[in-house]
Amino acid sequence: MKRVLLSVLVVCLLAGQASADLFTLNHDAAMMLWEVSKEPDSTRSFLDLVTDNLDDYGTVTMRGEVGYVGSLGGVRNEFSWMRIGANGATADVIGAALGTDPTSDLSGYAGYSLYLANDNDDLWQVRLYVETSADGSRETKWVTLATGSDAVLTLDFAGLDLTEVTDIGFDIGGLLSGSGGNPSNPDWFHVSAVPTPVAVLLGMLGLGVAGLKLRKFV
């Protein structure tokens, strides 16, 4: 019976992914987010890209394929955040050729989904966003990631004119406190993205199957 239920679950999840047609980032697209966001403005302290283990930065092991390392500062006890997105390179991120018209068309997608992991010892919040020329910016609610935790976030595209997407990515932020706070002010964040949510779901299902098989021998 368990095997039948698991099979139904797998079919439902895969069917849901196919019907929902969620836009996701692959490894190269996730790196593109950093490439066009690495020049800080007056509200950003520093942003860097890490493509291997984040242990060099005194953090827990990196779980996504592309890591983002940065420093946030601001007024004590106020929320500070940074936007990590595609901006002018949106066409490359979604796989369209530069110079095509419309530049970045996501028509047909029901939403945007991304795996994000908190790879350090501070409490950070993350959210997804998308900007279109017709509708401006839309964001998900902030999701809190504790130390070493991760989440798959999804942004609903319903009602948006997706014929020209001007920016897509994610935001990271935190309530800055005094020294020793969580996070303190200023403080470094270390987050990683990718594999895509579909891969994460399939991995979780694989663990579920393994767990059921192990229970037979216990």
N, C-alpha and C. Protein backbone atom coordinates (compact mmCIF):
# COMPACT_ATOMS: atom_id res chain seq x y z
N MET A 1 0.83 -1.20 0.00
CA MET A 1 0.00 0.00 0.00
C MET A 1 0.87 1.26 0.00
N LYS A 2 1.94 1.22 0.82
CA LYS A 2 2.83 2.37 0.88
C LYS A 2 3.47 2.63 -0.47
N ARG A 3 3.83 1.53 -1.15
CA ARG A 3 4.45 1.68 -2.46
C ARG A 3 3.50 2.33 -3.45
N VAL A 4 2.22 1.97 -3.39
CA VAL A 4 1.22 2.55 -4.27
C VAL A 4 1.04 4.04 -3.98
N LEU A 5 0.96 4.38 -2.67
CA LEU A 5 0.80 5.78 -2.29
C LEU A 5 2.00 6.62 -2.73
N LEU A 6 3.19 6.06 -2.58
CA LEU A 6 4.40 6.78 -2.98
C LEU A 6 4.41 7.00 -4.48
N SER A 7 4.00 5.99 -5.24
CA SER A 7 3.95 6.13 -6.70
C SER A 7 2.98 7.22 -7.11
N VAL A 8 1.83 7.25 -6.44
CA VAL A 8 0.83 8.29 -6.73
C VAL A 8 1.39 9.66 -6.42
N LEU A 9 2.13 9.76 -5.28
CA LEU A 9 2.72 11.03 -4.90
C LEU A 9 3.71 11.52 -5.94
N VAL A 10 4.55 10.61 -6.42
CA VAL A 10 5.54 10.97 -7.44
C VAL A 10 4.86 11.47 -8.70
N VAL A 11 3.84 10.74 -9.15
CA VAL A 11 3.13 11.12 -10.37
C VAL A 11 2.47 12.48 -10.20
N CYS A 12 1.86 12.72 -9.03
CA CYS A 12 1.19 13.98 -8.78
C CYS A 12 2.16 15.15 -8.78
N LEU A 13 3.31 14.94 -8.14
CA LEU A 13 4.31 16.01 -8.08
C LEU A 13 4.85 16.33 -9.47
N LEU A 14 5.16 15.30 -10.23
CA LEU A 14 5.69 15.53 -11.57
C LEU A 14 4.63 16.15 -12.47
N ALA A 15 3.39 15.71 -12.32
CA ALA A 15 2.31 16.29 -13.12
C ALA A 15 2.10 17.74 -12.73
N GLY A 16 2.19 18.02 -11.44
CA GLY A 16 2.03 19.39 -10.97
C GLY A 16 3.12 20.28 -11.53
N GLN A 17 4.36 19.78 -11.55
CA GLN A 17 5.45 20.57 -12.11
C GLN A 17 5.23 20.85 -13.58
N ALA A 18 4.74 19.84 -14.30
CA ALA A 18 4.54 20.00 -15.74
C ALA A 18 3.43 21.00 -16.03
N SER A 19 2.31 20.89 -15.24
CA SER A 19 1.17 21.76 -15.52
C SER A 19 1.44 23.18 -15.04
N ALA A 20 2.16 23.31 -13.91
CA ALA A 20 2.44 24.64 -13.37
C ALA A 20 3.46 25.36 -14.23
N ASP A 21 4.42 24.61 -14.78
CA ASP A 21 5.45 25.18 -15.64
C ASP A 21 6.16 26.34 -14.94
N LEU A 22 6.79 26.03 -13.81
CA LEU A 22 7.49 27.05 -13.03
C LEU A 22 8.85 27.35 -13.64
N PHE A 23 9.20 28.63 -13.69
CA PHE A 23 10.53 29.01 -14.14
C PHE A 23 11.52 28.78 -13.01
N THR A 24 12.65 28.13 -13.33
CA THR A 24 13.69 27.89 -12.33
C THR A 24 15.05 28.27 -12.90
N LEU A 25 16.00 28.52 -12.02
CA LEU A 25 17.35 28.85 -12.43
C LEU A 25 18.22 27.61 -12.46
N ASN A 26 19.07 27.50 -13.47
CA ASN A 26 20.09 26.46 -13.45
C ASN A 26 21.38 27.08 -12.91
N HIS A 27 22.45 26.31 -12.88
CA HIS A 27 23.72 26.77 -12.31
C HIS A 27 24.22 28.03 -13.00
N ASP A 28 24.24 28.03 -14.33
CA ASP A 28 24.76 29.18 -15.08
C ASP A 28 23.92 30.43 -14.86
N ALA A 29 22.59 30.25 -14.81
CA ALA A 29 21.72 31.40 -14.61
C ALA A 29 21.90 31.97 -13.21
N ALA A 30 22.10 31.10 -12.22
CA ALA A 30 22.32 31.58 -10.85
C ALA A 30 23.62 32.38 -10.77
N MET A 31 24.64 31.97 -11.52
CA MET A 31 25.88 32.73 -11.54
C MET A 31 25.67 34.07 -12.23
N MET A 32 24.78 34.12 -13.22
CA MET A 32 24.50 35.35 -13.92
C MET A 32 23.92 36.41 -12.98
N LEU A 33 23.13 35.96 -11.98
CA LEU A 33 22.57 36.90 -11.02
C LEU A 33 23.67 37.68 -10.34
N TRP A 34 24.73 36.97 -9.96
CA TRP A 34 25.85 37.65 -9.30
C TRP A 34 26.59 38.55 -10.27
N GLU A 35 26.78 38.10 -11.47
CA GLU A 35 27.57 38.86 -12.45
C GLU A 35 27.03 40.26 -12.66
N VAL A 36 25.72 40.42 -12.64
CA VAL A 36 25.15 41.74 -12.90
C VAL A 36 24.80 42.48 -11.62
N SER A 37 25.09 41.89 -10.45
CA SER A 37 24.76 42.54 -9.19
C SER A 37 25.98 42.87 -8.35
N LYS A 38 27.17 42.56 -8.86
CA LYS A 38 28.36 42.66 -8.02
C LYS A 38 28.84 44.09 -7.81
N GLU A 39 28.36 45.03 -8.61
CA GLU A 39 28.74 46.43 -8.41
C GLU A 39 27.82 47.05 -7.38
N PRO A 40 28.31 47.31 -6.17
CA PRO A 40 27.43 47.79 -5.10
C PRO A 40 27.04 49.25 -5.29
N ASP A 41 25.82 49.59 -4.84
CA ASP A 41 25.43 51.00 -4.79
C ASP A 41 25.63 51.49 -3.35
N SER A 42 25.11 52.64 -3.02
CA SER A 42 25.40 53.25 -1.72
C SER A 42 24.82 52.46 -0.56
N THR A 43 23.83 51.58 -0.82
CA THR A 43 23.20 50.84 0.26
C THR A 43 23.82 49.46 0.44
N ARG A 44 24.77 49.08 -0.41
CA ARG A 44 25.37 47.76 -0.33
C ARG A 44 26.82 47.87 0.09
N SER A 45 27.25 46.94 0.91
CA SER A 45 28.63 46.96 1.38
C SER A 45 29.53 46.13 0.49
N PHE A 46 29.14 44.88 0.23
CA PHE A 46 29.99 43.99 -0.54
C PHE A 46 29.19 42.78 -0.99
N LEU A 47 29.48 42.29 -2.16
CA LEU A 47 28.84 41.07 -2.65
C LEU A 47 29.84 40.27 -3.45
N ASP A 48 29.91 38.97 -3.18
CA ASP A 48 30.87 38.12 -3.86
C ASP A 48 30.21 36.81 -4.22
N LEU A 49 30.83 36.08 -5.11
CA LEU A 49 30.32 34.79 -5.57
C LEU A 49 31.25 33.68 -5.13
N VAL A 50 30.68 32.58 -4.66
CA VAL A 50 31.46 31.42 -4.26
C VAL A 50 30.93 30.22 -5.02
N THR A 51 31.82 29.50 -5.67
CA THR A 51 31.38 28.34 -6.45
C THR A 51 31.81 27.02 -5.84
N ASP A 52 32.46 27.09 -4.66
CA ASP A 52 32.82 25.85 -3.97
C ASP A 52 32.43 25.97 -2.51
N ASN A 53 32.99 25.12 -1.64
CA ASN A 53 32.59 25.09 -0.25
C ASN A 53 32.80 26.43 0.44
N LEU A 54 31.81 26.84 1.23
CA LEU A 54 31.89 28.11 1.92
C LEU A 54 32.69 28.03 3.23
N ASP A 55 33.30 26.89 3.53
CA ASP A 55 34.06 26.75 4.76
C ASP A 55 35.19 27.79 4.85
N ASP A 56 35.67 28.25 3.72
CA ASP A 56 36.73 29.27 3.72
C ASP A 56 36.26 30.56 4.39
N TYR A 57 34.96 30.74 4.50
CA TYR A 57 34.42 31.95 5.10
C TYR A 57 33.93 31.69 6.53
N GLY A 58 34.32 30.56 7.11
CA GLY A 58 33.94 30.24 8.47
C GLY A 58 32.48 29.91 8.62
N THR A 59 31.91 29.23 7.64
CA THR A 59 30.49 28.93 7.65
C THR A 59 30.27 27.43 7.63
N VAL A 60 29.00 27.05 7.69
CA VAL A 60 28.65 25.65 7.51
C VAL A 60 28.84 25.29 6.03
N THR A 61 28.79 24.02 5.74
CA THR A 61 29.01 23.57 4.36
C THR A 61 27.96 24.14 3.42
N MET A 62 28.39 24.58 2.26
CA MET A 62 27.48 25.12 1.25
C MET A 62 26.68 23.98 0.64
N ARG A 63 25.35 24.17 0.54
CA ARG A 63 24.50 23.12 0.01
C ARG A 63 24.00 23.37 -1.40
N GLY A 64 23.90 24.64 -1.80
CA GLY A 64 23.55 24.93 -3.18
C GLY A 64 24.79 24.92 -4.06
N GLU A 65 24.60 25.04 -5.36
CA GLU A 65 25.73 24.98 -6.29
C GLU A 65 26.39 26.34 -6.48
N VAL A 66 25.68 27.42 -6.20
CA VAL A 66 26.22 28.77 -6.34
C VAL A 66 26.02 29.51 -5.03
N GLY A 67 27.11 30.01 -4.44
CA GLY A 67 27.02 30.70 -3.16
C GLY A 67 27.19 32.20 -3.31
N TYR A 68 26.47 32.95 -2.47
CA TYR A 68 26.56 34.40 -2.46
C TYR A 68 27.02 34.85 -1.08
N VAL A 69 28.08 35.64 -1.04
CA VAL A 69 28.65 36.12 0.21
C VAL A 69 28.62 37.64 0.19
N GLY A 70 28.10 38.25 1.24
CA GLY A 70 28.03 39.69 1.26
C GLY A 70 27.94 40.24 2.66
N SER A 71 28.07 41.54 2.77
CA SER A 71 28.00 42.22 4.07
C SER A 71 26.87 43.24 4.04
N LEU A 72 26.03 43.20 5.08
CA LEU A 72 24.95 44.16 5.21
C LEU A 72 25.18 45.04 6.43
N GLY A 73 24.99 46.32 6.28
CA GLY A 73 25.11 47.26 7.38
C GLY A 73 24.03 48.31 7.27
N GLY A 74 23.81 49.05 8.33
CA GLY A 74 22.79 50.09 8.31
C GLY A 74 22.56 50.63 9.70
N VAL A 75 21.34 51.08 9.94
CA VAL A 75 20.98 51.62 11.26
C VAL A 75 20.67 50.47 12.20
N ARG A 76 21.21 50.53 13.41
CA ARG A 76 21.01 49.46 14.39
C ARG A 76 19.53 49.26 14.69
N ASN A 77 19.15 47.98 14.78
CA ASN A 77 17.77 47.57 15.07
C ASN A 77 16.80 47.92 13.94
N GLU A 78 17.33 48.12 12.74
CA GLU A 78 16.47 48.28 11.58
C GLU A 78 16.76 47.16 10.58
N PHE A 79 15.75 46.88 9.75
CA PHE A 79 15.88 45.81 8.76
C PHE A 79 16.66 46.32 7.55
N SER A 80 17.72 45.60 7.17
CA SER A 80 18.53 45.96 6.01
C SER A 80 18.51 44.81 5.02
N TRP A 81 18.44 45.12 3.72
CA TRP A 81 18.38 44.04 2.75
C TRP A 81 19.07 44.41 1.45
N MET A 82 19.40 43.38 0.67
CA MET A 82 20.09 43.53 -0.61
C MET A 82 19.35 42.74 -1.68
N ARG A 83 19.29 43.30 -2.88
CA ARG A 83 18.64 42.63 -4.01
C ARG A 83 19.71 42.00 -4.90
N ILE A 84 19.57 40.69 -5.15
CA ILE A 84 20.51 39.95 -5.99
C ILE A 84 19.74 39.48 -7.22
N GLY A 85 19.96 40.15 -8.34
CA GLY A 85 19.12 39.85 -9.50
C GLY A 85 19.82 39.95 -10.82
N ALA A 86 19.03 39.75 -11.88
CA ALA A 86 19.56 39.67 -13.24
C ALA A 86 19.70 41.04 -13.89
N ASN A 87 18.74 41.94 -13.61
CA ASN A 87 18.76 43.30 -14.14
C ASN A 87 18.98 43.29 -15.66
N GLY A 88 20.05 43.93 -16.15
CA GLY A 88 20.23 44.07 -17.60
C GLY A 88 20.49 42.78 -18.33
N ALA A 89 20.81 41.71 -17.61
CA ALA A 89 21.11 40.44 -18.27
C ALA A 89 19.95 39.45 -18.18
N THR A 90 18.75 39.96 -17.94
CA THR A 90 17.59 39.09 -17.79
C THR A 90 17.42 38.15 -18.97
N ALA A 91 17.68 38.65 -20.17
CA ALA A 91 17.50 37.83 -21.37
C ALA A 91 18.38 36.58 -21.32
N ASP A 92 19.63 36.75 -20.87
CA ASP A 92 20.51 35.61 -20.75
C ASP A 92 20.03 34.64 -19.67
N VAL A 93 19.53 35.20 -18.57
CA VAL A 93 19.10 34.37 -17.46
C VAL A 93 17.94 33.46 -17.85
N ILE A 94 16.98 33.96 -18.62
CA ILE A 94 15.84 33.13 -18.99
C ILE A 94 16.09 32.36 -20.29
N GLY A 95 17.27 32.52 -20.88
CA GLY A 95 17.62 31.71 -22.03
C GLY A 95 17.27 32.32 -23.36
N ALA A 96 16.89 33.60 -23.40
CA ALA A 96 16.61 34.26 -24.67
C ALA A 96 17.88 34.91 -25.21
N ALA A 97 17.94 35.07 -26.50
CA ALA A 97 19.11 35.71 -27.10
C ALA A 97 19.03 37.22 -26.93
N LEU A 98 20.17 37.81 -26.62
CA LEU A 98 20.20 39.27 -26.50
C LEU A 98 19.81 39.92 -27.83
N GLY A 99 19.06 40.99 -27.73
CA GLY A 99 18.66 41.71 -28.93
C GLY A 99 17.33 41.26 -29.51
N THR A 100 16.74 40.20 -28.96
CA THR A 100 15.44 39.75 -29.46
C THR A 100 14.34 40.63 -28.89
N ASP A 101 13.19 40.63 -29.51
CA ASP A 101 12.07 41.46 -29.09
C ASP A 101 10.82 40.59 -28.96
N PRO A 102 10.20 40.48 -27.77
CA PRO A 102 10.59 41.16 -26.54
C PRO A 102 11.87 40.58 -25.95
N THR A 103 12.58 41.39 -25.20
CA THR A 103 13.88 40.99 -24.69
C THR A 103 13.82 39.78 -23.78
N SER A 104 12.89 39.79 -22.85
CA SER A 104 12.83 38.73 -21.85
C SER A 104 11.39 38.32 -21.63
N ASP A 105 10.94 37.35 -22.38
CA ASP A 105 9.54 36.93 -22.37
C ASP A 105 9.38 35.65 -21.55
N LEU A 106 8.62 35.74 -20.45
CA LEU A 106 8.33 34.57 -19.62
C LEU A 106 6.88 34.14 -19.75
N SER A 107 6.22 34.54 -20.84
CA SER A 107 4.83 34.15 -21.07
C SER A 107 4.72 32.63 -21.06
N GLY A 108 3.68 32.13 -20.40
CA GLY A 108 3.48 30.69 -20.32
C GLY A 108 3.93 30.10 -19.01
N TYR A 109 4.74 30.83 -18.25
CA TYR A 109 5.15 30.35 -16.94
C TYR A 109 4.13 30.77 -15.88
N ALA A 110 3.84 29.87 -14.95
CA ALA A 110 2.88 30.16 -13.88
C ALA A 110 3.53 30.82 -12.68
N GLY A 111 4.86 30.71 -12.59
CA GLY A 111 5.53 31.29 -11.44
C GLY A 111 7.03 31.08 -11.52
N TYR A 112 7.70 31.50 -10.48
CA TYR A 112 9.16 31.43 -10.38
C TYR A 112 9.50 30.72 -9.08
N SER A 113 10.36 29.70 -9.15
CA SER A 113 10.68 28.91 -7.97
C SER A 113 12.19 28.79 -7.82
N LEU A 114 12.67 28.82 -6.58
CA LEU A 114 14.11 28.79 -6.33
C LEU A 114 14.42 28.15 -4.98
N TYR A 115 15.46 27.33 -4.97
CA TYR A 115 15.98 26.75 -3.73
C TYR A 115 17.02 27.68 -3.15
N LEU A 116 16.86 28.05 -1.86
CA LEU A 116 17.81 28.91 -1.17
C LEU A 116 18.19 28.29 0.18
N ALA A 117 19.48 28.36 0.52
CA ALA A 117 19.96 27.80 1.78
C ALA A 117 20.75 28.85 2.55
N ASN A 118 20.58 28.87 3.86
CA ASN A 118 21.35 29.75 4.74
C ASN A 118 22.57 28.96 5.20
N ASP A 119 23.74 29.37 4.74
CA ASP A 119 24.96 28.60 4.99
C ASP A 119 25.87 29.22 6.05
N ASN A 120 25.30 30.03 6.96
CA ASN A 120 26.15 30.53 8.04
C ASN A 120 25.41 30.55 9.37
N ASP A 121 26.00 31.19 10.37
CA ASP A 121 25.49 31.08 11.74
C ASP A 121 24.57 32.22 12.15
N ASP A 122 24.07 32.98 11.20
CA ASP A 122 23.16 34.08 11.52
C ASP A 122 21.76 33.80 10.98
N LEU A 123 20.80 34.55 11.49
CA LEU A 123 19.42 34.40 11.07
C LEU A 123 19.14 35.38 9.94
N TRP A 124 18.81 34.84 8.75
CA TRP A 124 18.56 35.70 7.59
C TRP A 124 17.16 35.45 7.04
N GLN A 125 16.67 36.45 6.32
CA GLN A 125 15.38 36.32 5.66
C GLN A 125 15.56 36.48 4.15
N VAL A 126 14.80 35.72 3.40
CA VAL A 126 14.91 35.73 1.94
C VAL A 126 13.52 35.84 1.31
N ARG A 127 13.48 36.35 0.09
CA ARG A 127 12.25 36.38 -0.68
C ARG A 127 12.60 36.43 -2.16
N LEU A 128 11.67 36.00 -3.01
CA LEU A 128 11.85 36.08 -4.46
C LEU A 128 11.19 37.34 -4.99
N TYR A 129 11.65 37.80 -6.16
CA TYR A 129 11.00 38.94 -6.80
C TYR A 129 11.10 38.82 -8.31
N VAL A 130 10.21 39.51 -8.98
CA VAL A 130 10.27 39.64 -10.43
C VAL A 130 9.80 41.05 -10.78
N GLU A 131 10.41 41.66 -11.78
CA GLU A 131 10.00 42.98 -12.24
C GLU A 131 9.66 42.90 -13.72
N THR A 132 8.55 43.51 -14.10
CA THR A 132 8.17 43.58 -15.51
C THR A 132 8.00 45.04 -15.90
N SER A 133 8.14 45.31 -17.19
CA SER A 133 8.03 46.69 -17.66
C SER A 133 6.62 47.23 -17.47
N ALA A 134 5.62 46.33 -17.46
CA ALA A 134 4.23 46.78 -17.37
C ALA A 134 3.73 46.87 -15.93
N ASP A 135 4.22 45.99 -15.06
CA ASP A 135 3.63 45.87 -13.72
C ASP A 135 4.57 46.25 -12.58
N GLY A 136 5.81 46.56 -12.87
CA GLY A 136 6.74 46.88 -11.79
C GLY A 136 7.21 45.64 -11.07
N SER A 137 7.40 45.75 -9.76
CA SER A 137 8.00 44.66 -8.98
C SER A 137 6.94 43.90 -8.17
N ARG A 138 7.09 42.58 -8.13
CA ARG A 138 6.27 41.74 -7.26
C ARG A 138 7.20 40.85 -6.45
N GLU A 139 6.93 40.74 -5.14
CA GLU A 139 7.77 39.93 -4.26
C GLU A 139 6.93 38.93 -3.48
N THR A 140 7.57 37.86 -3.03
CA THR A 140 6.94 36.95 -2.08
C THR A 140 7.07 37.55 -0.69
N LYS A 141 6.45 36.95 0.29
CA LYS A 141 6.66 37.35 1.68
C LYS A 141 8.06 36.90 2.11
N TRP A 142 8.61 37.61 3.07
CA TRP A 142 9.91 37.23 3.60
C TRP A 142 9.80 35.89 4.31
N VAL A 143 10.79 35.02 4.08
CA VAL A 143 10.87 33.72 4.74
C VAL A 143 12.14 33.68 5.57
N THR A 144 12.02 33.33 6.85
CA THR A 144 13.17 33.29 7.74
C THR A 144 13.90 31.95 7.61
N LEU A 145 15.22 32.03 7.42
CA LEU A 145 16.05 30.84 7.33
C LEU A 145 16.99 30.81 8.54
N ALA A 146 16.80 29.81 9.40
CA ALA A 146 17.69 29.64 10.55
C ALA A 146 19.02 29.08 10.08
N THR A 147 19.98 29.02 10.98
CA THR A 147 21.30 28.50 10.64
C THR A 147 21.22 27.11 10.03
N GLY A 148 21.81 26.96 8.87
CA GLY A 148 21.86 25.64 8.23
C GLY A 148 20.55 25.17 7.63
N SER A 149 19.52 26.03 7.57
CA SER A 149 18.24 25.61 7.01
C SER A 149 18.11 26.05 5.56
N ASP A 150 17.13 25.49 4.88
CA ASP A 150 16.89 25.86 3.48
C ASP A 150 15.41 25.84 3.19
N ALA A 151 15.03 26.34 2.03
CA ALA A 151 13.62 26.38 1.65
C ALA A 151 13.51 26.50 0.14
N VAL A 152 12.40 26.01 -0.40
CA VAL A 152 12.05 26.22 -1.80
C VAL A 152 10.95 27.26 -1.84
N LEU A 153 11.25 28.42 -2.42
CA LEU A 153 10.29 29.53 -2.49
C LEU A 153 9.67 29.59 -3.88
N THR A 154 8.41 30.00 -3.92
CA THR A 154 7.71 30.11 -5.21
C THR A 154 6.96 31.43 -5.27
N LEU A 155 7.13 32.14 -6.38
CA LEU A 155 6.46 33.42 -6.63
C LEU A 155 5.40 33.22 -7.71
N ASP A 156 4.16 33.60 -7.44
CA ASP A 156 3.05 33.43 -8.36
C ASP A 156 3.06 34.55 -9.41
N PHE A 157 2.98 34.15 -10.69
CA PHE A 157 2.97 35.12 -11.79
C PHE A 157 1.57 35.55 -12.21
N ALA A 158 0.53 35.05 -11.55
CA ALA A 158 -0.85 35.32 -11.97
C ALA A 158 -1.11 36.81 -12.09
N GLY A 159 -1.68 37.23 -13.23
CA GLY A 159 -2.05 38.62 -13.44
C GLY A 159 -0.94 39.51 -13.95
N LEU A 160 0.27 38.99 -14.09
CA LEU A 160 1.39 39.80 -14.56
C LEU A 160 1.51 39.74 -16.08
N ASP A 161 1.90 40.85 -16.68
CA ASP A 161 2.24 40.88 -18.11
C ASP A 161 3.70 40.45 -18.23
N LEU A 162 3.92 39.23 -18.69
CA LEU A 162 5.27 38.64 -18.71
C LEU A 162 5.98 38.79 -20.05
N THR A 163 5.43 39.61 -20.94
CA THR A 163 6.03 39.74 -22.27
C THR A 163 7.39 40.43 -22.22
N GLU A 164 7.65 41.18 -21.16
CA GLU A 164 8.97 41.79 -21.01
C GLU A 164 9.34 41.86 -19.52
N VAL A 165 10.07 40.86 -19.09
CA VAL A 165 10.57 40.81 -17.71
C VAL A 165 11.89 41.58 -17.67
N THR A 166 11.98 42.55 -16.78
CA THR A 166 13.17 43.39 -16.72
C THR A 166 14.16 42.96 -15.65
N ASP A 167 13.71 42.20 -14.66
CA ASP A 167 14.61 41.74 -13.61
C ASP A 167 13.97 40.56 -12.88
N ILE A 168 14.81 39.66 -12.38
CA ILE A 168 14.34 38.50 -11.62
C ILE A 168 15.47 38.05 -10.71
N GLY A 169 15.13 37.56 -9.53
CA GLY A 169 16.16 37.12 -8.60
C GLY A 169 15.61 36.94 -7.21
N PHE A 170 16.44 37.25 -6.18
CA PHE A 170 15.98 37.12 -4.80
C PHE A 170 16.59 38.23 -3.94
N ASP A 171 15.94 38.50 -2.81
CA ASP A 171 16.40 39.48 -1.84
C ASP A 171 16.83 38.75 -0.57
N ILE A 172 17.84 39.30 0.12
CA ILE A 172 18.25 38.76 1.41
C ILE A 172 18.37 39.91 2.40
N GLY A 173 17.92 39.70 3.63
CA GLY A 173 17.95 40.77 4.61
C GLY A 173 17.91 40.24 6.03
N GLY A 174 18.01 41.17 6.97
CA GLY A 174 17.96 40.81 8.37
C GLY A 174 17.80 42.02 9.25
N LEU A 175 17.32 41.79 10.49
CA LEU A 175 17.20 42.85 11.47
C LEU A 175 18.54 43.01 12.17
N LEU A 176 19.24 44.09 11.88
CA LEU A 176 20.59 44.30 12.38
C LEU A 176 20.56 44.77 13.83
N SER A 177 21.39 44.13 14.67
CA SER A 177 21.45 44.50 16.08
C SER A 177 22.87 44.88 16.44
N GLY A 178 23.14 45.03 17.73
CA GLY A 178 24.47 45.37 18.17
C GLY A 178 25.41 44.20 18.08
N SER A 179 26.64 44.37 18.54
CA SER A 179 27.64 43.31 18.47
C SER A 179 27.13 42.07 19.19
N GLY A 180 27.33 40.93 18.57
CA GLY A 180 26.85 39.68 19.15
C GLY A 180 25.41 39.36 18.82
N GLY A 181 24.77 40.25 18.08
CA GLY A 181 23.38 40.01 17.71
C GLY A 181 23.27 39.00 16.59
N ASN A 182 22.07 38.81 16.09
CA ASN A 182 21.85 37.77 15.10
C ASN A 182 20.92 38.29 14.00
N PRO A 183 21.41 38.94 12.95
CA PRO A 183 22.82 39.29 12.73
C PRO A 183 23.22 40.57 13.47
N SER A 184 24.52 40.77 13.59
CA SER A 184 25.00 42.00 14.20
C SER A 184 25.08 43.09 13.13
N ASN A 185 25.66 44.23 13.44
CA ASN A 185 25.68 45.35 12.49
C ASN A 185 27.09 45.96 12.41
N PRO A 186 27.76 45.82 11.25
CA PRO A 186 27.35 45.07 10.05
C PRO A 186 27.59 43.57 10.25
N ASP A 187 27.12 42.77 9.31
CA ASP A 187 27.31 41.32 9.40
C ASP A 187 27.33 40.71 8.01
N TRP A 188 28.01 39.57 7.93
CA TRP A 188 28.12 38.86 6.65
C TRP A 188 26.99 37.86 6.50
N PHE A 189 26.45 37.76 5.28
CA PHE A 189 25.53 36.66 4.98
C PHE A 189 26.23 35.69 4.04
N HIS A 190 25.78 34.46 4.08
CA HIS A 190 26.30 33.41 3.19
C HIS A 190 25.11 32.55 2.80
N VAL A 191 24.61 32.72 1.60
CA VAL A 191 23.49 31.91 1.12
C VAL A 191 23.89 31.23 -0.17
N SER A 192 23.22 30.14 -0.48
CA SER A 192 23.49 29.46 -1.75
C SER A 192 22.19 29.08 -2.43
N ALA A 193 22.24 29.00 -3.75
CA ALA A 193 21.07 28.68 -4.57
C ALA A 193 21.39 27.52 -5.51
N VAL A 194 20.30 26.89 -6.04
CA VAL A 194 20.46 25.77 -6.96
C VAL A 194 21.04 24.59 -6.16
N PRO A 195 20.64 23.37 -6.32
CA PRO A 195 19.92 22.86 -7.50
C PRO A 195 18.49 23.37 -7.59
N THR A 196 17.91 23.23 -8.77
CA THR A 196 16.56 23.72 -8.99
C THR A 196 15.59 22.97 -8.10
N PRO A 197 14.45 23.57 -7.79
CA PRO A 197 13.47 22.93 -6.90
C PRO A 197 13.04 21.54 -7.33
N VAL A 198 12.94 21.30 -8.64
CA VAL A 198 12.54 19.98 -9.11
C VAL A 198 13.54 18.93 -8.64
N ALA A 199 14.83 19.26 -8.75
CA ALA A 199 15.86 18.32 -8.30
C ALA A 199 15.78 18.08 -6.81
N VAL A 200 15.47 19.13 -6.05
CA VAL A 200 15.34 18.99 -4.59
C VAL A 200 14.18 18.08 -4.26
N LEU A 201 13.04 18.26 -4.94
CA LEU A 201 11.87 17.43 -4.69
C LEU A 201 12.16 15.97 -4.99
N LEU A 202 12.81 15.73 -6.12
CA LEU A 202 13.13 14.35 -6.49
C LEU A 202 14.10 13.74 -5.48
N GLY A 203 15.04 14.55 -4.98
CA GLY A 203 15.95 14.06 -3.97
C GLY A 203 15.24 13.67 -2.70
N MET A 204 14.26 14.50 -2.28
CA MET A 204 13.48 14.20 -1.09
C MET A 204 12.67 12.92 -1.28
N LEU A 205 12.12 12.75 -2.48
CA LEU A 205 11.37 11.53 -2.77
C LEU A 205 12.28 10.31 -2.72
N GLY A 206 13.51 10.47 -3.21
CA GLY A 206 14.47 9.37 -3.17
C GLY A 206 14.78 8.97 -1.75
N LEU A 207 14.94 9.96 -0.86
CA LEU A 207 15.18 9.66 0.54
C LEU A 207 13.98 8.96 1.16
N GLY A 208 12.78 9.36 0.73
CA GLY A 208 11.57 8.71 1.24
C GLY A 208 11.51 7.25 0.86
N VAL A 209 11.86 6.96 -0.39
CA VAL A 209 11.87 5.56 -0.85
C VAL A 209 12.89 4.76 -0.06
N ALA A 210 14.08 5.34 0.14
CA ALA A 210 15.13 4.65 0.88
C ALA A 210 14.67 4.38 2.31
N GLY A 211 13.97 5.35 2.91
CA GLY A 211 13.49 5.18 4.27
C GLY A 211 12.50 4.05 4.39
N LEU A 212 11.58 3.95 3.41
CA LEU A 212 10.61 2.87 3.42
C LEU A 212 11.28 1.51 3.30
N LYS A 213 12.31 1.43 2.46
CA LYS A 213 13.00 0.16 2.27
C LYS A 213 13.76 -0.24 3.52
N LEU A 214 14.37 0.76 4.17
CA LEU A 214 15.14 0.47 5.39
C LEU A 214 14.22 -0.02 6.50
N ARG A 215 13.00 0.50 6.56
CA ARG A 215 12.08 0.10 7.62
C ARG A 215 11.74 -1.38 7.52
N LYS A 216 11.82 -1.95 6.33
CA LYS A 216 11.51 -3.37 6.17
C LYS A 216 12.54 -4.25 6.83
N PHE A 217 13.76 -3.69 7.01
CA PHE A 217 14.83 -4.50 7.59
C PHE A 217 15.07 -4.17 9.06
N VAL A 218 14.26 -3.28 9.62
CA VAL A 218 14.43 -2.91 11.04
C VAL A 218 13.54 -3.79 11.91
